[in-house]
Amino acid sequence: MNRLTVLLAALCMSVMSLVAQQTAQIRQLMDSIFVVEPTEDNYYDAACLYALMGRSEQALNAFDKALSLGYRDFQHIAVDTDLDAIRELPRFTEILNKYRKLEVQSKFDLLKGADTDMK
């Protein structure tokens, strides 16, 4: 190996080590945020972050949690490029469809209740 190849290999190893350290630090930060303020917005942000980091399982878990806590900005979800890494996964579609159905059912129940009140 020539000197340049050795230097490039060392540089790559250093970058990979930094990324691994930062990934661990990011996960610790997200976990501490959830302890202090476990809101739907924080879980949605975590889903985006994990998706961008290539951590699909964690992204999907956080996405599911965000929606279970009440995140319902479906228009934003549809165009949020941060979620592109998980958007085509079957579980993403399952989660999204589950909460869209709940949202429609909730609106239907409200309308049905309003109709009953008017009688």
N, C-alpha and C. Protein backbone atom coordinates (compact mmCIF):
# COMPACT_ATOMS: atom_id res chain seq x y z
N MET A 1 0.84 -1.19 0.00
CA MET A 1 0.00 0.00 0.00
C MET A 1 0.88 1.24 0.00
N ASN A 2 0.42 2.22 -0.76
CA ASN A 2 1.18 3.46 -0.74
C ASN A 2 0.71 4.33 0.44
N ARG A 3 1.43 5.36 0.68
CA ARG A 3 1.18 6.22 1.85
C ARG A 3 -0.21 6.86 1.79
N LEU A 4 -0.66 7.29 0.62
CA LEU A 4 -1.96 7.92 0.47
C LEU A 4 -3.09 6.94 0.83
N THR A 5 -2.96 5.70 0.42
CA THR A 5 -3.97 4.69 0.73
C THR A 5 -4.05 4.46 2.23
N VAL A 6 -2.91 4.41 2.88
CA VAL A 6 -2.88 4.22 4.34
C VAL A 6 -3.53 5.41 5.02
N LEU A 7 -3.24 6.62 4.56
CA LEU A 7 -3.83 7.83 5.16
C LEU A 7 -5.34 7.86 4.95
N LEU A 8 -5.79 7.50 3.75
CA LEU A 8 -7.23 7.48 3.49
C LEU A 8 -7.94 6.43 4.35
N ALA A 9 -7.32 5.27 4.52
CA ALA A 9 -7.90 4.23 5.35
C ALA A 9 -7.99 4.69 6.80
N ALA A 10 -6.96 5.36 7.28
CA ALA A 10 -6.97 5.88 8.65
C ALA A 10 -8.04 6.97 8.81
N LEU A 11 -8.18 7.81 7.80
CA LEU A 11 -9.20 8.86 7.83
C LEU A 11 -10.60 8.24 7.86
N CYS A 12 -10.83 7.24 7.04
CA CYS A 12 -12.13 6.56 7.03
C CYS A 12 -12.44 5.93 8.38
N MET A 13 -11.46 5.29 8.98
CA MET A 13 -11.66 4.68 10.29
C MET A 13 -11.99 5.74 11.34
N SER A 14 -11.33 6.89 11.27
CA SER A 14 -11.59 7.98 12.21
C SER A 14 -13.01 8.51 12.04
N VAL A 15 -13.42 8.70 10.80
CA VAL A 15 -14.78 9.20 10.53
C VAL A 15 -15.81 8.20 11.02
N MET A 16 -15.60 6.92 10.77
CA MET A 16 -16.54 5.90 11.23
C MET A 16 -16.63 5.88 12.75
N SER A 17 -15.51 6.07 13.42
CA SER A 17 -15.50 6.10 14.87
C SER A 17 -16.28 7.31 15.39
N LEU A 18 -16.11 8.46 14.75
CA LEU A 18 -16.85 9.66 15.15
C LEU A 18 -18.35 9.48 14.94
N VAL A 19 -18.72 8.91 13.83
CA VAL A 19 -20.14 8.68 13.54
C VAL A 19 -20.74 7.76 14.59
N ALA A 20 -20.03 6.70 14.94
CA ALA A 20 -20.52 5.76 15.95
C ALA A 20 -20.70 6.45 17.29
N GLN A 21 -19.72 7.29 17.66
CA GLN A 21 -19.81 8.02 18.93
C GLN A 21 -20.98 9.00 18.90
N GLN A 22 -21.14 9.71 17.79
CA GLN A 22 -22.23 10.67 17.68
C GLN A 22 -23.58 9.97 17.68
N THR A 23 -23.66 8.82 17.05
CA THR A 23 -24.91 8.07 17.04
C THR A 23 -25.30 7.70 18.47
N ALA A 24 -24.35 7.22 19.25
CA ALA A 24 -24.63 6.86 20.64
C ALA A 24 -25.05 8.10 21.43
N GLN A 25 -24.38 9.22 21.20
CA GLN A 25 -24.72 10.46 21.91
C GLN A 25 -26.11 10.95 21.51
N ILE A 26 -26.45 10.84 20.25
CA ILE A 26 -27.78 11.25 19.79
C ILE A 26 -28.85 10.39 20.43
N ARG A 27 -28.63 9.09 20.48
CA ARG A 27 -29.60 8.19 21.11
C ARG A 27 -29.78 8.52 22.59
N GLN A 28 -28.68 8.80 23.28
CA GLN A 28 -28.76 9.16 24.70
C GLN A 28 -29.54 10.47 24.87
N LEU A 29 -29.30 11.42 24.00
CA LEU A 29 -30.00 12.70 24.06
C LEU A 29 -31.50 12.50 23.83
N MET A 30 -31.85 11.71 22.82
CA MET A 30 -33.26 11.46 22.54
C MET A 30 -33.92 10.75 23.73
N ASP A 31 -33.25 9.78 24.29
CA ASP A 31 -33.81 9.07 25.44
C ASP A 31 -34.05 10.01 26.62
N SER A 32 -33.13 10.94 26.85
CA SER A 32 -33.29 11.89 27.96
C SER A 32 -34.43 12.87 27.68
N ILE A 33 -34.62 13.23 26.42
CA ILE A 33 -35.73 14.12 26.05
C ILE A 33 -37.06 13.42 26.34
N PHE A 34 -37.16 12.14 26.01
CA PHE A 34 -38.40 11.40 26.24
C PHE A 34 -38.74 11.30 27.72
N VAL A 35 -37.72 11.24 28.57
CA VAL A 35 -37.96 11.18 30.01
C VAL A 35 -38.53 12.51 30.50
N VAL A 36 -37.98 13.61 30.02
CA VAL A 36 -38.40 14.94 30.45
C VAL A 36 -39.71 15.35 29.80
N GLU A 37 -39.84 15.13 28.51
CA GLU A 37 -41.03 15.58 27.77
C GLU A 37 -41.40 14.59 26.66
N PRO A 38 -42.12 13.54 27.03
CA PRO A 38 -42.50 12.52 26.04
C PRO A 38 -43.72 12.92 25.21
N THR A 39 -43.55 13.93 24.34
CA THR A 39 -44.67 14.44 23.56
C THR A 39 -44.69 13.83 22.17
N GLU A 40 -45.83 13.96 21.50
CA GLU A 40 -45.95 13.45 20.14
C GLU A 40 -44.97 14.14 19.20
N ASP A 41 -44.72 15.43 19.42
CA ASP A 41 -43.77 16.15 18.56
C ASP A 41 -42.35 15.65 18.74
N ASN A 42 -41.96 15.37 19.98
CA ASN A 42 -40.61 14.85 20.22
C ASN A 42 -40.43 13.46 19.62
N TYR A 43 -41.45 12.63 19.72
CA TYR A 43 -41.35 11.31 19.11
C TYR A 43 -41.33 11.40 17.58
N TYR A 44 -42.08 12.35 17.04
CA TYR A 44 -42.05 12.53 15.58
C TYR A 44 -40.66 12.98 15.14
N ASP A 45 -40.09 13.94 15.88
CA ASP A 45 -38.73 14.39 15.56
C ASP A 45 -37.73 13.25 15.66
N ALA A 46 -37.91 12.40 16.65
CA ALA A 46 -37.03 11.23 16.80
C ALA A 46 -37.18 10.29 15.61
N ALA A 47 -38.41 10.10 15.15
CA ALA A 47 -38.63 9.24 13.98
C ALA A 47 -37.87 9.79 12.78
N CYS A 48 -37.94 11.09 12.59
CA CYS A 48 -37.21 11.73 11.48
C CYS A 48 -35.71 11.53 11.64
N LEU A 49 -35.21 11.78 12.83
CA LEU A 49 -33.78 11.66 13.08
C LEU A 49 -33.30 10.23 12.87
N TYR A 50 -34.01 9.28 13.42
CA TYR A 50 -33.61 7.88 13.26
C TYR A 50 -33.68 7.46 11.79
N ALA A 51 -34.69 7.93 11.08
CA ALA A 51 -34.80 7.60 9.65
C ALA A 51 -33.59 8.16 8.89
N LEU A 52 -33.22 9.38 9.20
CA LEU A 52 -32.05 10.00 8.55
C LEU A 52 -30.76 9.27 8.89
N MET A 53 -30.71 8.67 10.08
CA MET A 53 -29.52 7.93 10.52
C MET A 53 -29.51 6.51 9.97
N GLY A 54 -30.58 6.11 9.28
CA GLY A 54 -30.64 4.76 8.74
C GLY A 54 -31.06 3.71 9.76
N ARG A 55 -31.67 4.14 10.82
CA ARG A 55 -32.12 3.23 11.88
C ARG A 55 -33.64 3.03 11.75
N SER A 56 -34.00 2.21 10.79
CA SER A 56 -35.40 2.04 10.41
C SER A 56 -36.29 1.55 11.55
N GLU A 57 -35.84 0.55 12.27
CA GLU A 57 -36.67 -0.01 13.35
C GLU A 57 -36.95 1.04 14.42
N GLN A 58 -35.93 1.77 14.83
CA GLN A 58 -36.12 2.82 15.83
C GLN A 58 -37.00 3.94 15.27
N ALA A 59 -36.82 4.26 14.01
CA ALA A 59 -37.63 5.30 13.37
C ALA A 59 -39.10 4.89 13.36
N LEU A 60 -39.37 3.66 12.99
CA LEU A 60 -40.76 3.18 12.95
C LEU A 60 -41.38 3.12 14.34
N ASN A 61 -40.60 2.72 15.33
CA ASN A 61 -41.11 2.69 16.71
C ASN A 61 -41.46 4.10 17.18
N ALA A 62 -40.58 5.06 16.91
CA ALA A 62 -40.83 6.44 17.32
C ALA A 62 -42.01 7.04 16.55
N PHE A 63 -42.12 6.70 15.26
CA PHE A 63 -43.24 7.17 14.44
C PHE A 63 -44.56 6.64 14.99
N ASP A 64 -44.60 5.36 15.31
CA ASP A 64 -45.80 4.76 15.89
C ASP A 64 -46.15 5.44 17.21
N LYS A 65 -45.16 5.67 18.04
CA LYS A 65 -45.38 6.31 19.34
C LYS A 65 -45.91 7.73 19.15
N ALA A 66 -45.34 8.47 18.20
CA ALA A 66 -45.79 9.85 17.94
C ALA A 66 -47.27 9.86 17.58
N LEU A 67 -47.67 8.95 16.70
CA LEU A 67 -49.07 8.90 16.29
C LEU A 67 -49.97 8.39 17.42
N SER A 68 -49.47 7.47 18.22
CA SER A 68 -50.28 6.97 19.34
C SER A 68 -50.52 8.06 20.37
N LEU A 69 -49.59 9.02 20.45
CA LEU A 69 -49.73 10.13 21.40
C LEU A 69 -50.54 11.29 20.84
N GLY A 70 -50.91 11.20 19.55
CA GLY A 70 -51.79 12.23 19.00
C GLY A 70 -51.25 13.03 17.84
N TYR A 71 -50.05 12.74 17.35
CA TYR A 71 -49.55 13.47 16.19
C TYR A 71 -50.44 13.15 14.99
N ARG A 72 -51.00 14.19 14.36
CA ARG A 72 -51.95 13.94 13.28
C ARG A 72 -51.74 14.86 12.07
N ASP A 73 -50.56 15.38 11.89
CA ASP A 73 -50.32 16.26 10.74
C ASP A 73 -49.99 15.40 9.52
N PHE A 74 -51.04 14.75 8.99
CA PHE A 74 -50.85 13.82 7.88
C PHE A 74 -50.35 14.51 6.62
N GLN A 75 -50.71 15.77 6.42
CA GLN A 75 -50.20 16.51 5.25
C GLN A 75 -48.69 16.69 5.34
N HIS A 76 -48.21 16.99 6.53
CA HIS A 76 -46.76 17.15 6.71
C HIS A 76 -46.04 15.81 6.55
N ILE A 77 -46.61 14.76 7.12
CA ILE A 77 -46.01 13.43 6.99
C ILE A 77 -45.84 13.07 5.52
N ALA A 78 -46.83 13.41 4.70
CA ALA A 78 -46.82 13.05 3.28
C ALA A 78 -45.66 13.70 2.51
N VAL A 79 -45.19 14.85 2.96
CA VAL A 79 -44.14 15.56 2.22
C VAL A 79 -42.81 15.66 2.97
N ASP A 80 -42.75 15.14 4.18
CA ASP A 80 -41.54 15.24 5.00
C ASP A 80 -40.46 14.31 4.46
N THR A 81 -39.46 14.88 3.83
CA THR A 81 -38.40 14.08 3.22
C THR A 81 -37.53 13.37 4.27
N ASP A 82 -37.59 13.81 5.52
CA ASP A 82 -36.84 13.13 6.57
C ASP A 82 -37.29 11.68 6.74
N LEU A 83 -38.53 11.39 6.34
CA LEU A 83 -39.07 10.04 6.50
C LEU A 83 -38.91 9.17 5.26
N ASP A 84 -38.26 9.69 4.24
CA ASP A 84 -38.13 8.95 2.97
C ASP A 84 -37.50 7.58 3.13
N ALA A 85 -36.59 7.44 4.07
CA ALA A 85 -35.89 6.16 4.25
C ALA A 85 -36.81 5.06 4.76
N ILE A 86 -37.93 5.44 5.38
CA ILE A 86 -38.85 4.42 5.91
C ILE A 86 -40.22 4.44 5.21
N ARG A 87 -40.44 5.42 4.39
CA ARG A 87 -41.76 5.62 3.77
C ARG A 87 -42.25 4.41 2.98
N GLU A 88 -41.37 3.69 2.32
CA GLU A 88 -41.76 2.55 1.48
C GLU A 88 -41.84 1.23 2.24
N LEU A 89 -41.51 1.25 3.51
CA LEU A 89 -41.56 0.02 4.30
C LEU A 89 -43.01 -0.33 4.63
N PRO A 90 -43.36 -1.62 4.56
CA PRO A 90 -44.74 -2.01 4.85
C PRO A 90 -45.23 -1.55 6.24
N ARG A 91 -44.37 -1.61 7.23
CA ARG A 91 -44.79 -1.21 8.58
C ARG A 91 -45.13 0.27 8.64
N PHE A 92 -44.42 1.11 7.90
CA PHE A 92 -44.74 2.55 7.85
C PHE A 92 -46.17 2.74 7.36
N THR A 93 -46.50 2.06 6.28
CA THR A 93 -47.84 2.16 5.70
C THR A 93 -48.89 1.64 6.67
N GLU A 94 -48.59 0.53 7.34
CA GLU A 94 -49.52 -0.04 8.32
C GLU A 94 -49.79 0.94 9.46
N ILE A 95 -48.74 1.54 9.99
CA ILE A 95 -48.88 2.51 11.08
C ILE A 95 -49.70 3.70 10.61
N LEU A 96 -49.34 4.24 9.48
CA LEU A 96 -50.03 5.42 8.95
C LEU A 96 -51.50 5.13 8.69
N ASN A 97 -51.80 4.01 8.08
CA ASN A 97 -53.19 3.66 7.80
C ASN A 97 -54.00 3.46 9.08
N LYS A 98 -53.38 2.84 10.08
CA LYS A 98 -54.08 2.61 11.35
C LYS A 98 -54.54 3.93 11.96
N TYR A 99 -53.66 4.92 11.99
CA TYR A 99 -54.02 6.19 12.63
C TYR A 99 -54.88 7.08 11.74
N ARG A 100 -54.77 6.93 10.43
CA ARG A 100 -55.69 7.65 9.54
C ARG A 100 -57.12 7.13 9.76
N LYS A 101 -57.26 5.82 9.88
CA LYS A 101 -58.59 5.24 10.13
C LYS A 101 -59.14 5.72 11.47
N LEU A 102 -58.30 5.77 12.49
CA LEU A 102 -58.75 6.25 13.79
C LEU A 102 -59.18 7.71 13.71
N GLU A 103 -58.46 8.51 12.94
CA GLU A 103 -58.80 9.92 12.78
C GLU A 103 -60.15 10.07 12.07
N VAL A 104 -60.35 9.30 11.02
CA VAL A 104 -61.63 9.35 10.29
C VAL A 104 -62.76 8.89 11.22
N GLN A 105 -62.54 7.81 11.96
CA GLN A 105 -63.56 7.31 12.88
C GLN A 105 -63.89 8.35 13.95
N SER A 106 -62.88 9.01 14.46
CA SER A 106 -63.08 10.04 15.48
C SER A 106 -63.93 11.19 14.93
N LYS A 107 -63.63 11.62 13.72
CA LYS A 107 -64.41 12.70 13.10
C LYS A 107 -65.84 12.25 12.83
N PHE A 108 -65.99 11.04 12.39
CA PHE A 108 -67.32 10.48 12.15
C PHE A 108 -68.13 10.44 13.44
N ASP A 109 -67.49 9.98 14.52
CA ASP A 109 -68.17 9.91 15.82
C ASP A 109 -68.59 11.30 16.30
N LEU A 110 -67.74 12.30 16.07
CA LEU A 110 -68.09 13.67 16.44
C LEU A 110 -69.29 14.16 15.66
N LEU A 111 -69.29 13.91 14.36
CA LEU A 111 -70.42 14.32 13.52
C LEU A 111 -71.69 13.59 13.91
N LYS A 112 -71.57 12.32 14.21
CA LYS A 112 -72.71 11.52 14.61
C LYS A 112 -73.28 12.04 15.93
N GLY A 113 -72.38 12.40 16.85
CA GLY A 113 -72.81 12.96 18.13
C GLY A 113 -73.48 14.32 17.97
N ALA A 114 -72.96 15.14 17.07
CA ALA A 114 -73.56 16.45 16.81
C ALA A 114 -74.93 16.29 16.19
N ASP A 115 -75.08 15.29 15.32
CA ASP A 115 -76.36 15.03 14.68
C ASP A 115 -77.39 14.60 15.73
N THR A 116 -76.98 13.78 16.69
CA THR A 116 -77.88 13.32 17.75
C THR A 116 -78.28 14.48 18.65
N ASP A 117 -77.35 15.41 18.92
CA ASP A 117 -77.64 16.56 19.76
C ASP A 117 -78.66 17.49 19.13
N MET A 118 -78.72 17.53 17.81
CA MET A 118 -79.62 18.43 17.10
C MET A 118 -81.06 17.91 17.09
N LYS A 119 -81.23 16.64 17.38
CA LYS A 119 -82.59 16.05 17.32
C LYS A 119 -83.37 16.34 18.55
